[in-house]
Amino acid sequence: MKLYYIPAACSLAPHIIANELGLDIRLVKVDHKTHRTEDGRDFLALSPFGYVPLLELEDGTLLREGPAILQYLADLQPLAGLAPAAGSIDRYRLQEWLSFLTSEIHKGFIPLLYARLAGPYGLETAKPKLEKRYAWIDAQLAGRDYLMGHYAVADAYLYALTQWGQADWLAPTYQANIRFDGLENLKAWYLRMRARPAVRRALDTEGLQ
């Protein structure tokens, strides 16, 4: 399998999960400006919108959406418990989390990551909304180490998104800084995630340490 990624993008999530599971995956770096892969291919021929992550299976099948890729990888090793069994209420809880992260957190960052395009109005509305969503996540983490009570693929996805708000190297081009003031549960979760060997290895590989 091949995992196409851009350093620091949301493709960090399946990168982390691949490390957690010890999967034999070839990482293929994509240049976000030229849309060329490191081996010289036109990435737009594989992903028409130029988005990562993209997972290429051995038979050539392509999976292009992060939540689907995360669940696919987890299902390769169900005993690892990174995704509950299909059909169980916990599986639907996982999908609930993945949908929330996609629509409320991932999309919520976009005006902040592209602040110059969004303009001041976008910043004034987007950042408070995103901070409100993070406050809600903080409340859900009360008494829990991870989003579902146990480590799952949703944690890797949230980490990949949340590190955008902690990366000082994004400023001043971006306005994505999200701080943990008063969000002690979220802060403890973030540090717990960052301490995981699979996360540290992914950060090191992508040059994000």
Protein backbone atom coordinates (compact mmCIF):
# COMPACT_ATOMS: atom_id res chain seq x y z
CA MET A 1 0.00 0.00 0.00
CA LYS A 2 0.95 3.62 -0.56
CA LEU A 3 -0.09 6.55 1.60
CA TYR A 4 0.20 9.90 -0.15
CA TYR A 5 0.78 12.71 2.30
CA ILE A 6 1.72 16.36 2.69
CA PRO A 7 3.71 17.16 5.84
CA ALA A 8 1.52 18.61 8.62
CA ALA A 9 -1.68 18.03 6.63
CA CYS A 10 -4.58 15.89 7.85
CA SER A 11 -2.79 12.93 6.25
CA LEU A 12 -0.84 12.87 9.52
CA ALA A 13 -3.77 10.94 11.01
CA PRO A 14 -3.52 7.77 8.85
CA HIS A 15 0.27 8.09 9.08
CA ILE A 16 -0.05 7.80 12.86
CA ILE A 17 -2.45 4.86 12.62
CA ALA A 18 -0.17 3.05 10.17
CA ASN A 19 2.60 3.42 12.75
CA GLU A 20 0.36 2.26 15.57
CA LEU A 21 -0.47 -0.92 13.65
CA GLY A 22 3.01 -1.49 12.24
CA LEU A 23 1.60 -1.66 8.73
CA ASP A 24 3.83 -2.10 5.70
CA ILE A 25 2.92 1.15 3.95
CA ARG A 26 5.06 3.16 1.57
CA LEU A 27 4.84 6.87 2.27
CA VAL A 28 4.74 9.07 -0.83
CA LYS A 29 5.28 12.77 -0.22
CA VAL A 30 3.29 15.25 -2.31
CA ASP A 31 4.36 18.83 -3.04
CA HIS A 32 1.32 20.96 -2.18
CA LYS A 33 2.33 23.70 -4.63
CA THR A 34 3.21 21.68 -7.74
CA HIS A 35 0.94 18.68 -7.02
CA ARG A 36 3.79 16.38 -7.98
CA THR A 37 4.73 13.33 -5.96
CA GLU A 38 8.30 12.80 -4.85
CA ASP A 39 8.63 10.09 -7.50
CA GLY A 40 7.56 12.54 -10.23
CA ARG A 41 3.92 11.59 -10.72
CA ASP A 42 1.07 14.01 -11.32
CA PHE A 43 -0.91 13.75 -8.09
CA LEU A 44 -3.95 15.38 -9.68
CA ALA A 45 -4.30 12.28 -11.85
CA LEU A 46 -4.91 10.32 -8.66
CA SER A 47 -6.73 12.94 -6.60
CA PRO A 48 -8.48 15.47 -8.86
CA PHE A 49 -8.72 18.12 -6.11
CA GLY A 50 -5.15 17.56 -4.94
CA TYR A 51 -6.27 16.48 -1.49
CA VAL A 52 -4.45 14.19 0.90
CA PRO A 53 -4.59 11.67 2.38
CA LEU A 54 -4.91 9.19 -0.42
CA LEU A 55 -4.42 5.47 0.11
CA GLU A 56 -3.49 3.29 -2.87
CA LEU A 57 -4.11 -0.41 -2.29
CA GLU A 58 -2.08 -3.21 -3.84
CA ASP A 59 -4.72 -3.79 -6.53
CA GLY A 60 -4.73 -0.12 -7.49
CA THR A 61 -7.91 0.77 -5.60
CA LEU A 62 -7.83 4.35 -4.32
CA LEU A 63 -9.37 5.62 -1.09
CA ARG A 64 -9.49 9.42 -0.97
CA GLU A 65 -11.28 10.44 2.24
CA GLY A 66 -9.46 10.52 5.57
CA PRO A 67 -12.22 9.03 7.79
CA ALA A 68 -12.72 6.15 5.34
CA ILE A 69 -8.96 5.52 5.19
CA LEU A 70 -8.69 5.52 8.99
CA GLN A 71 -11.45 2.94 9.34
CA TYR A 72 -10.00 0.81 6.55
CA LEU A 73 -6.59 0.72 8.22
CA ALA A 74 -8.09 -0.08 11.62
CA ASP A 75 -10.11 -2.94 10.13
CA LEU A 76 -6.94 -4.55 8.79
CA GLN A 77 -6.10 -5.41 12.40
CA PRO A 78 -9.40 -5.52 14.31
CA LEU A 79 -7.81 -7.02 17.44
CA ALA A 80 -5.88 -3.78 17.93
CA GLY A 81 -9.19 -2.14 18.81
CA LEU A 82 -8.61 1.14 16.97
CA ALA A 83 -12.12 0.90 15.51
CA PRO A 84 -15.03 -0.97 17.15
CA ALA A 85 -16.67 -3.85 15.32
CA ALA A 86 -18.91 -3.01 12.37
CA GLY A 87 -22.56 -2.91 13.36
CA SER A 88 -21.88 -2.17 17.02
CA ILE A 89 -23.15 1.00 18.68
CA ASP A 90 -19.54 1.91 19.44
CA ARG A 91 -18.77 1.83 15.71
CA TYR A 92 -21.52 4.34 15.14
CA ARG A 93 -20.09 6.43 17.97
CA LEU A 94 -16.76 6.39 16.17
CA GLN A 95 -18.42 7.48 12.95
CA GLU A 96 -20.22 10.19 14.90
CA TRP A 97 -16.86 11.49 16.13
CA LEU A 98 -15.27 11.30 12.68
CA SER A 99 -18.19 13.20 11.14
CA PHE A 100 -18.02 15.86 13.85
CA LEU A 101 -14.28 16.29 13.41
CA THR A 102 -14.66 16.56 9.64
CA SER A 103 -17.47 19.12 9.65
CA GLU A 104 -16.83 21.12 12.81
CA ILE A 105 -13.07 21.01 13.42
CA HIS A 106 -11.41 20.26 10.07
CA LYS A 107 -13.62 22.66 8.11
CA GLY A 108 -13.55 25.09 11.01
CA PHE A 109 -9.82 25.55 10.58
CA ILE A 110 -10.01 26.41 6.88
CA PRO A 111 -10.76 30.16 7.28
CA LEU A 112 -7.90 30.38 9.79
CA LEU A 113 -5.42 28.52 7.61
CA TYR A 114 -6.31 30.75 4.67
CA ALA A 115 -6.81 33.95 6.64
CA ARG A 116 -5.79 36.25 3.80
CA LEU A 117 -8.56 34.85 1.63
CA ALA A 118 -11.17 34.71 4.37
CA GLY A 119 -10.63 38.31 5.43
CA PRO A 120 -11.34 39.83 8.83
CA TYR A 121 -15.00 38.79 8.86
CA GLY A 122 -14.04 35.17 8.36
CA LEU A 123 -11.61 35.33 11.26
CA GLU A 124 -14.04 37.08 13.56
CA THR A 125 -16.65 34.37 13.08
CA ALA A 126 -14.54 31.25 12.48
CA LYS A 127 -12.16 31.40 15.42
CA PRO A 128 -14.78 31.84 18.19
CA LYS A 129 -16.84 29.04 16.66
CA LEU A 130 -13.84 26.73 16.57
CA GLU A 131 -12.90 27.62 20.14
CA LYS A 132 -16.46 26.79 21.22
CA ARG A 133 -16.20 23.37 19.57
CA TYR A 134 -12.91 22.73 21.36
CA ALA A 135 -14.49 23.68 24.67
CA TRP A 136 -17.16 21.06 24.00
CA ILE A 137 -14.50 18.44 23.23
CA ASP A 138 -12.75 19.38 26.46
CA ALA A 139 -15.97 18.61 28.34
CA GLN A 140 -16.29 15.23 26.61
CA LEU A 141 -12.77 14.34 27.73
CA ALA A 142 -13.59 14.83 31.42
CA GLY A 143 -12.64 11.58 33.15
CA ARG A 144 -11.42 10.08 29.86
CA ASP A 145 -7.97 9.53 28.45
CA TYR A 146 -9.29 9.47 24.88
CA LEU A 147 -12.37 10.57 22.94
CA MET A 148 -14.17 7.24 23.20
CA GLY A 149 -12.68 6.30 26.54
CA HIS A 150 -10.11 4.15 24.76
CA TYR A 151 -7.63 5.04 22.04
CA ALA A 152 -9.18 4.94 18.56
CA VAL A 153 -8.64 6.38 15.09
CA ALA A 154 -10.68 9.47 15.98
CA ASP A 155 -7.91 10.51 18.38
CA ALA A 156 -5.35 10.42 15.58
CA TYR A 157 -7.62 12.57 13.42
CA LEU A 158 -8.23 15.12 16.16
CA TYR A 159 -4.51 15.26 16.91
CA ALA A 160 -3.64 15.91 13.25
CA LEU A 161 -6.09 18.83 13.24
CA THR A 162 -5.26 20.21 16.68
CA GLN A 163 -1.54 20.42 15.99
CA TRP A 164 -2.38 23.07 13.42
CA GLY A 165 -3.47 25.33 16.25
CA GLN A 166 -0.32 24.64 18.27
CA ALA A 167 2.20 25.15 15.49
CA ASP A 168 3.88 28.52 15.98
CA TRP A 169 5.55 28.08 12.61
CA LEU A 170 2.14 28.75 10.98
CA ALA A 171 2.17 32.37 12.10
CA PRO A 172 2.02 35.04 10.83
CA THR A 173 0.78 33.73 7.46
CA TYR A 174 -2.03 31.86 9.17
CA GLN A 175 -4.28 32.71 12.11
CA ALA A 176 -4.87 29.16 13.32
CA ASN A 177 -3.54 29.42 16.85
CA ILE A 178 -5.86 27.69 19.30
CA ARG A 179 -4.66 27.73 22.89
CA PHE A 180 -5.56 25.42 25.74
CA ASP A 181 -6.23 28.11 28.35
CA GLY A 182 -8.91 26.69 30.63
CA LEU A 183 -9.12 23.47 28.61
CA GLU A 184 -7.19 21.21 30.95
CA ASN A 185 -8.74 17.96 29.72
CA LEU A 186 -7.88 18.81 26.12
CA LYS A 187 -4.36 19.86 27.08
CA ALA A 188 -3.76 16.59 28.97
CA TRP A 189 -5.13 14.62 26.00
CA TYR A 190 -2.88 16.51 23.56
CA LEU A 191 0.24 15.84 25.64
CA ARG A 192 -0.80 12.21 26.04
CA MET A 193 -1.15 11.88 22.29
CA ARG A 194 2.14 13.60 21.58
CA ALA A 195 3.91 11.16 23.91
CA ARG A 196 2.75 8.11 21.95
CA PRO A 197 5.69 6.53 20.06
CA ALA A 198 3.62 6.22 16.87
CA VAL A 199 2.83 9.93 16.97
CA ARG A 200 6.42 10.94 17.66
CA ARG A 201 7.66 8.75 14.81
CA ALA A 202 5.14 10.29 12.38
CA LEU A 203 6.09 13.81 13.45
CA ASP A 204 9.77 13.01 13.02
CA THR A 205 9.22 11.50 9.56
CA GLU A 206 7.26 14.57 8.42
CA GLY A 207 9.80 16.96 9.92
CA LEU A 208 7.37 18.36 12.50
CA GLN A 209 9.28 17.71 15.75
